[in-house]
Protein backbone atom coordinates (compact mmCIF):
# COMPACT_ATOMS: atom_id res chain seq x y z
CA MET A 1 88.33 262.18 -164.66
CA ARG A 2 87.35 258.67 -163.56
CA PHE A 3 86.78 260.30 -159.93
CA LYS A 4 84.12 262.97 -161.60
CA GLN A 5 82.82 260.52 -163.94
CA ARG A 6 81.94 258.23 -160.79
CA ILE A 7 80.17 261.21 -158.69
CA ARG A 8 78.40 262.30 -161.74
CA GLN A 9 76.75 259.06 -162.05
CA ASN A 10 76.12 258.85 -158.54
CA TYR A 11 74.05 261.75 -157.91
CA LYS A 12 72.86 263.30 -161.79
CA THR A 13 69.27 261.66 -161.00
CA ARG A 14 68.63 263.31 -157.58
CA SER A 15 69.17 266.71 -155.41
CA VAL A 16 71.56 266.32 -152.85
CA ASN A 17 70.69 266.18 -149.66
CA LYS A 18 72.71 266.79 -146.12
CA LYS A 19 73.83 263.25 -146.34
CA ASP A 20 75.08 263.05 -149.69
CA PHE A 21 76.94 266.69 -149.08
CA GLY A 22 78.90 264.63 -146.26
CA PHE A 23 79.33 261.56 -148.66
CA LEU A 24 81.02 263.95 -151.19
CA VAL A 25 83.37 266.02 -149.21
CA ILE A 26 84.53 262.59 -147.82
CA ALA A 27 84.81 261.59 -151.34
CA PHE A 28 87.02 264.56 -152.32
CA LEU A 29 89.04 264.21 -149.85
CA VAL A 30 89.48 260.85 -150.69
CA PHE A 31 90.59 262.20 -154.24
CA CYS A 32 92.44 264.91 -152.79
CA SER A 33 94.92 262.37 -150.77
CA PHE A 34 95.81 260.60 -154.25
CA PHE A 35 96.93 264.42 -155.67
CA LEU A 36 98.84 265.57 -152.84
CA ALA A 37 100.50 262.17 -152.46
CA SER A 38 101.94 262.40 -156.25
CA CYS A 39 103.26 266.17 -154.86
CA SER A 40 104.58 265.40 -151.61
CA THR A 41 104.95 261.80 -150.98
CA PRO A 42 108.93 261.31 -149.34
CA ILE A 43 109.34 257.54 -150.76
CA ALA A 44 110.63 258.19 -154.42
CA GLY A 45 108.05 256.28 -156.49
CA ALA A 46 105.69 255.95 -153.93
CA GLN A 47 102.88 257.94 -155.70
CA TYR A 48 102.57 255.59 -157.70
CA ARG A 49 102.41 252.56 -155.22
CA GLN A 50 99.22 253.98 -152.63
CA ILE A 51 96.60 252.62 -151.15
CA VAL A 52 93.29 254.47 -149.28
CA ILE A 53 92.57 253.09 -145.71
CA ALA A 54 88.89 254.13 -144.37
CA THR A 55 88.84 254.18 -140.40
CA GLY A 56 87.60 255.80 -137.52
CA SER A 57 88.88 256.05 -134.41
CA PRO A 58 92.05 253.07 -134.79
CA PHE A 59 93.39 256.50 -137.50
CA GLU A 60 92.47 259.16 -134.74
CA LEU A 61 94.61 257.36 -132.44
CA GLY A 62 97.18 256.37 -134.44
CA LEU A 63 96.93 252.91 -134.40
CA VAL A 64 96.52 252.62 -138.50
CA THR A 65 99.10 255.27 -139.00
CA GLU A 66 102.11 253.22 -136.72
CA LEU A 67 100.79 249.94 -138.71
CA GLY A 68 100.61 251.91 -141.89
CA LYS A 69 104.45 253.77 -141.34
CA ALA A 70 105.53 250.08 -140.96
CA PHE A 71 104.09 248.78 -143.96
CA GLU A 72 105.12 251.77 -146.40
CA LYS A 73 108.85 251.36 -145.06
CA GLU A 74 108.86 247.34 -146.01
CA HIS A 75 107.18 247.71 -149.33
CA LYS A 76 108.50 251.45 -150.55
CA CYS A 77 104.15 252.55 -151.12
CA ALA A 78 102.49 255.14 -149.48
CA VAL A 79 99.20 254.20 -147.27
CA ARG A 80 96.49 257.15 -147.41
CA TYR A 81 93.87 257.70 -144.84
CA VAL A 82 90.37 258.80 -144.73
CA LYS A 83 88.66 259.75 -141.31
CA THR A 84 85.66 258.87 -141.21
CA PRO A 85 82.89 256.76 -139.24
CA THR A 86 82.01 253.25 -140.12
CA GLY A 87 78.65 253.88 -142.23
CA PRO A 88 80.57 256.39 -144.66
CA GLY A 89 83.25 254.71 -144.55
CA LEU A 90 81.56 251.63 -146.18
CA ASP A 91 80.14 253.94 -148.41
CA LEU A 92 83.53 254.79 -149.67
CA GLY A 93 83.38 251.14 -150.19
CA ARG A 94 80.76 250.90 -152.23
CA ASN A 95 81.99 253.54 -154.46
CA GLY A 96 84.93 252.35 -155.12
CA LEU A 97 86.99 255.15 -153.12
CA THR A 98 89.24 253.08 -150.97
CA HIS A 99 91.24 249.76 -150.76
CA ILE A 100 90.21 248.59 -147.38
CA THR A 101 87.78 249.81 -144.77
CA MET A 102 88.20 249.11 -140.85
CA GLY A 103 84.03 249.72 -138.96
CA HIS A 104 83.05 248.26 -135.98
CA ASN A 105 78.84 247.38 -136.91
CA HIS A 106 79.02 243.87 -137.47
CA GLU A 107 74.85 244.48 -139.25
CA ALA A 108 76.46 247.42 -141.56
CA THR A 109 79.68 245.57 -142.23
CA ALA A 110 77.41 242.49 -142.85
CA GLU A 111 74.85 243.88 -145.40
CA PHE A 112 78.70 245.64 -147.60
CA VAL A 113 79.71 241.86 -147.46
CA LYS A 114 76.13 240.50 -149.01
CA GLU A 115 76.01 243.17 -151.58
CA GLY A 116 79.46 241.73 -153.29
CA HIS A 117 81.69 244.80 -152.40
CA ALA A 118 84.13 242.94 -149.76
CA ALA A 119 86.61 240.50 -151.54
CA ARG A 120 88.20 239.45 -148.11
CA ARG A 121 86.25 240.35 -144.58
CA ILE A 122 87.74 239.17 -141.02
CA ASP A 123 87.70 239.98 -137.33
CA LEU A 124 90.23 241.76 -136.52
CA MET A 125 90.45 243.51 -132.89
CA HIS A 126 88.27 244.73 -130.31
CA ASN A 127 88.15 247.40 -127.61
CA TYR A 128 85.10 247.91 -124.94
CA THR A 129 82.18 249.98 -125.28
CA ILE A 130 82.05 252.18 -122.13
CA ILE A 131 80.03 255.02 -120.97
CA ILE A 132 81.13 257.94 -118.89
CA GLY A 133 79.31 260.43 -117.32
CA PRO A 134 79.58 262.96 -114.54
CA ALA A 135 81.21 262.00 -111.37
CA ASN A 136 77.86 262.54 -109.07
CA ASP A 137 76.81 259.89 -111.49
CA PRO A 138 72.71 261.03 -111.34
CA ALA A 139 71.22 258.34 -113.52
CA LYS A 140 72.84 255.68 -110.85
CA ILE A 141 74.72 254.00 -113.53
CA ALA A 142 78.34 253.11 -112.26
CA GLY A 143 79.18 249.63 -112.08
CA LEU A 144 76.86 248.06 -114.02
CA THR A 145 77.65 246.55 -117.70
CA ASP A 146 74.38 246.55 -119.57
CA LEU A 147 74.16 248.98 -122.01
CA LYS A 148 70.23 248.68 -122.00
CA GLU A 149 69.76 248.92 -118.16
CA ALA A 150 72.26 252.16 -118.21
CA HIS A 151 70.30 253.89 -120.80
CA LYS A 152 67.02 253.28 -119.26
CA ARG A 153 68.43 254.80 -115.98
CA ILE A 154 69.59 257.68 -117.95
CA SER A 155 65.96 258.63 -119.72
CA ASP A 156 64.50 257.93 -116.21
CA ALA A 157 66.34 260.52 -114.62
CA LYS A 158 66.25 262.74 -117.66
CA SER A 159 70.16 263.13 -117.39
CA LYS A 160 72.01 264.95 -119.93
CA TYR A 161 73.10 262.81 -122.85
CA LEU A 162 75.38 263.47 -125.89
CA SER A 163 75.10 261.33 -129.09
CA ARG A 164 77.63 261.28 -131.65
CA GLY A 165 74.58 261.05 -134.17
CA ASP A 166 76.94 260.54 -137.09
CA GLY A 167 75.93 257.45 -138.68
CA GLY A 168 79.53 255.62 -137.26
CA GLY A 169 79.61 252.15 -135.15
CA MET A 170 78.95 254.00 -131.53
CA HIS A 171 75.95 255.60 -132.57
CA MET A 172 74.48 252.64 -134.39
CA VAL A 173 74.79 250.53 -131.00
CA GLU A 174 73.40 253.57 -129.47
CA LEU A 175 69.86 253.64 -131.86
CA LYS A 176 69.61 249.84 -131.37
CA VAL A 177 69.98 250.30 -127.34
CA TRP A 178 66.99 252.82 -127.31
CA LYS A 179 65.26 251.11 -129.68
CA ASP A 180 65.49 247.59 -127.85
CA ILE A 181 64.38 249.56 -124.41
CA GLY A 182 61.28 250.73 -126.43
CA PHE A 183 62.22 254.58 -126.19
CA ASN A 184 62.94 257.71 -128.52
CA PRO A 185 65.34 260.40 -126.95
CA ALA A 186 65.34 262.40 -130.45
CA ASP A 187 63.15 265.28 -128.93
CA LYS A 188 64.12 265.07 -125.18
CA ASP A 189 65.69 268.33 -124.00
CA TRP A 190 68.12 266.62 -121.79
CA TYR A 191 69.59 264.71 -125.29
CA GLU A 192 72.09 266.15 -127.93
CA VAL A 193 73.50 264.82 -130.20
CA SER A 194 76.94 266.65 -131.23
CA LYS A 195 77.76 265.53 -134.52
CA ALA A 196 81.60 265.42 -134.25
CA PHE A 197 83.86 262.62 -133.91
CA MET A 198 85.01 260.14 -130.91
CA LEU A 199 87.17 262.40 -129.26
CA GLU A 200 86.06 265.63 -129.70
CA SER A 201 82.16 264.18 -128.40
CA MET A 202 83.95 263.11 -125.35
CA LEU A 203 85.54 266.21 -124.54
CA ASN A 204 82.27 267.94 -125.27
CA SER A 205 80.53 265.88 -123.07
CA ASP A 206 82.81 266.37 -120.33
CA LYS A 207 82.41 269.68 -120.70
CA ASN A 208 78.81 269.98 -120.09
CA GLY A 209 78.27 267.61 -117.68
CA GLN A 210 77.02 265.17 -119.89
CA TYR A 211 76.66 260.98 -120.33
CA HIS A 212 78.30 260.04 -123.35
CA MET A 213 79.08 256.75 -125.14
CA LEU A 214 82.90 256.06 -126.74
CA ASP A 215 85.36 253.33 -126.85
CA SER A 216 87.62 252.38 -124.03
CA THR A 217 90.49 253.06 -125.79
CA THR A 218 90.04 256.62 -126.39
CA TRP A 219 89.16 257.08 -122.84
CA ALA A 220 92.33 255.19 -122.08
CA MET A 221 94.54 257.87 -124.55
CA HIS A 222 92.53 260.78 -123.33
CA LYS A 223 91.12 260.80 -119.70
CA SER A 224 93.51 262.82 -118.61
CA LYS A 225 91.81 265.62 -120.80
CA CYS A 226 88.46 265.09 -118.63
CA LYS A 227 87.96 267.20 -115.65
CA ASN A 228 84.94 266.15 -114.60
CA SER A 229 84.36 262.89 -115.93
CA LYS A 230 84.58 259.43 -114.45
CA LEU A 231 84.34 255.83 -116.16
CA LEU A 232 80.62 254.55 -114.97
CA VAL A 233 79.96 251.34 -117.51
CA LYS A 234 82.58 248.98 -118.89
CA GLY A 235 80.22 247.46 -121.55
CA PRO A 236 80.91 245.18 -124.68
CA PRO A 237 83.56 244.73 -126.69
CA ASN A 238 83.68 246.79 -129.41
CA GLU A 239 84.22 244.50 -132.45
CA TYR A 240 86.38 246.25 -135.41
CA GLU A 241 85.99 244.26 -139.41
CA MET A 242 88.31 245.05 -141.74
CA CYS A 243 87.19 244.46 -145.22
CA LEU A 244 89.40 244.31 -148.82
CA VAL A 245 86.98 246.04 -151.22
CA ASN A 246 86.54 243.97 -153.80
CA PRO A 247 88.03 245.26 -157.46
CA GLU A 248 85.85 242.63 -159.01
CA LYS A 249 83.11 244.84 -158.57
CA HIS A 250 85.24 248.22 -158.75
CA PRO A 251 87.65 247.76 -161.49
CA ASN A 252 89.38 251.23 -160.75
CA LEU A 253 90.94 249.43 -157.08
CA ARG A 254 92.70 246.96 -159.26
CA TYR A 255 95.52 249.53 -159.55
CA ASN A 256 97.82 249.01 -156.47
CA GLN A 257 95.64 245.75 -155.60
CA ASP A 258 98.72 243.75 -154.71
CA LEU A 259 99.51 246.16 -152.47
CA ALA A 260 95.95 246.07 -150.68
CA GLU A 261 95.66 242.31 -150.18
CA LYS A 262 99.90 242.55 -148.74
CA PHE A 263 98.76 245.42 -146.01
CA TYR A 264 95.57 243.45 -145.34
CA ASP A 265 97.72 240.29 -144.68
CA PHE A 266 100.13 242.35 -143.26
CA LEU A 267 97.30 243.11 -140.44
CA ILE A 268 96.41 239.74 -139.76
CA SER A 269 100.04 238.09 -139.58
CA ASP A 270 101.42 237.17 -136.46
CA LYS A 271 103.36 240.02 -136.65
CA GLY A 272 100.87 242.68 -137.49
CA GLN A 273 98.42 241.46 -134.40
CA LYS A 274 100.81 241.73 -132.32
CA SER A 275 101.67 245.44 -133.02
CA ILE A 276 98.31 245.81 -132.32
CA ALA A 277 98.33 243.65 -129.09
CA ASN A 278 101.33 246.15 -127.96
CA PHE A 279 100.43 249.28 -129.04
CA GLY A 280 100.10 252.08 -126.60
CA VAL A 281 101.02 249.87 -123.96
CA GLU A 282 103.97 251.15 -122.70
CA LYS A 283 102.52 255.01 -122.20
CA TYR A 284 99.29 253.91 -121.53
CA GLY A 285 100.04 250.72 -119.09
CA GLU A 286 97.04 249.12 -120.25
CA PRO A 287 96.41 247.10 -123.75
CA LEU A 288 94.39 249.84 -126.29
CA TYR A 289 93.31 246.86 -128.95
CA HIS A 290 93.12 243.06 -128.28
CA PRO A 291 93.67 241.38 -131.79
CA ASP A 292 91.06 238.78 -133.07
CA ALA A 293 92.79 237.68 -136.46
CA ILE A 294 95.10 235.34 -134.65
CA LYS A 295 93.71 234.81 -130.93
CA SER A 296 97.20 233.42 -129.45
CA SER A 297 98.54 236.93 -130.40
CA LYS A 298 99.94 238.46 -127.01
């Protein structure tokens, strides 16, 4: 009932456009996660001890699931996840529908903190922003590290490019790059928008011979699925920030807030940061994420 009242309050004064509809879908999935938890959790009593984490690639690629399983075992609880880009994930926090957000756009997170929605915020980890593209590299960007120069060459060459276009952290980085070089590609026939998540977008760009910007972890884990693309540009760190949503602003989150705080503390502890550093190394032969909360973690 509280969920329905909250949605009515937020939307009763205006029509629902596409952005609102997308948020409503995500919010509905959060609601469903609570319902399903009460029906099928494998841990006795855990349906009453659960928290929700909103994040994107760290869930899609399995990191937060691995961390969550370790936490569930120790605390006899359930950790639920909503796979969402950075912007919509912060909107879930603004509406009190998640306990913790993990995203990778500093400006968007800073605004979230400024609005009072975060009780705590920390730099959690990073990977790298990369650009992949056709092996013949028509825009000649191979070896560059400057995202602006790479995008300028792509636009000058009118080479095919695939944008996420989903309001996520990587999409926000891309929009800033285009703005900084004074170019708007939106109406160009070589520029396409996927409206899909990181992995699906990467595979589509490979299939269609397009340049695409993504994070280094997605590429490291799934590059074997790409038959036509190469890693061409390794850019700056792609930094993930974690926020504990403020229960003073969202009183409904006070229920199980102790668990949310413990999960937050676990991720920034020496044990949690080492788990982040070691994730996938044995299988893929390289670090996939680099811990930032404790710089000395190995």
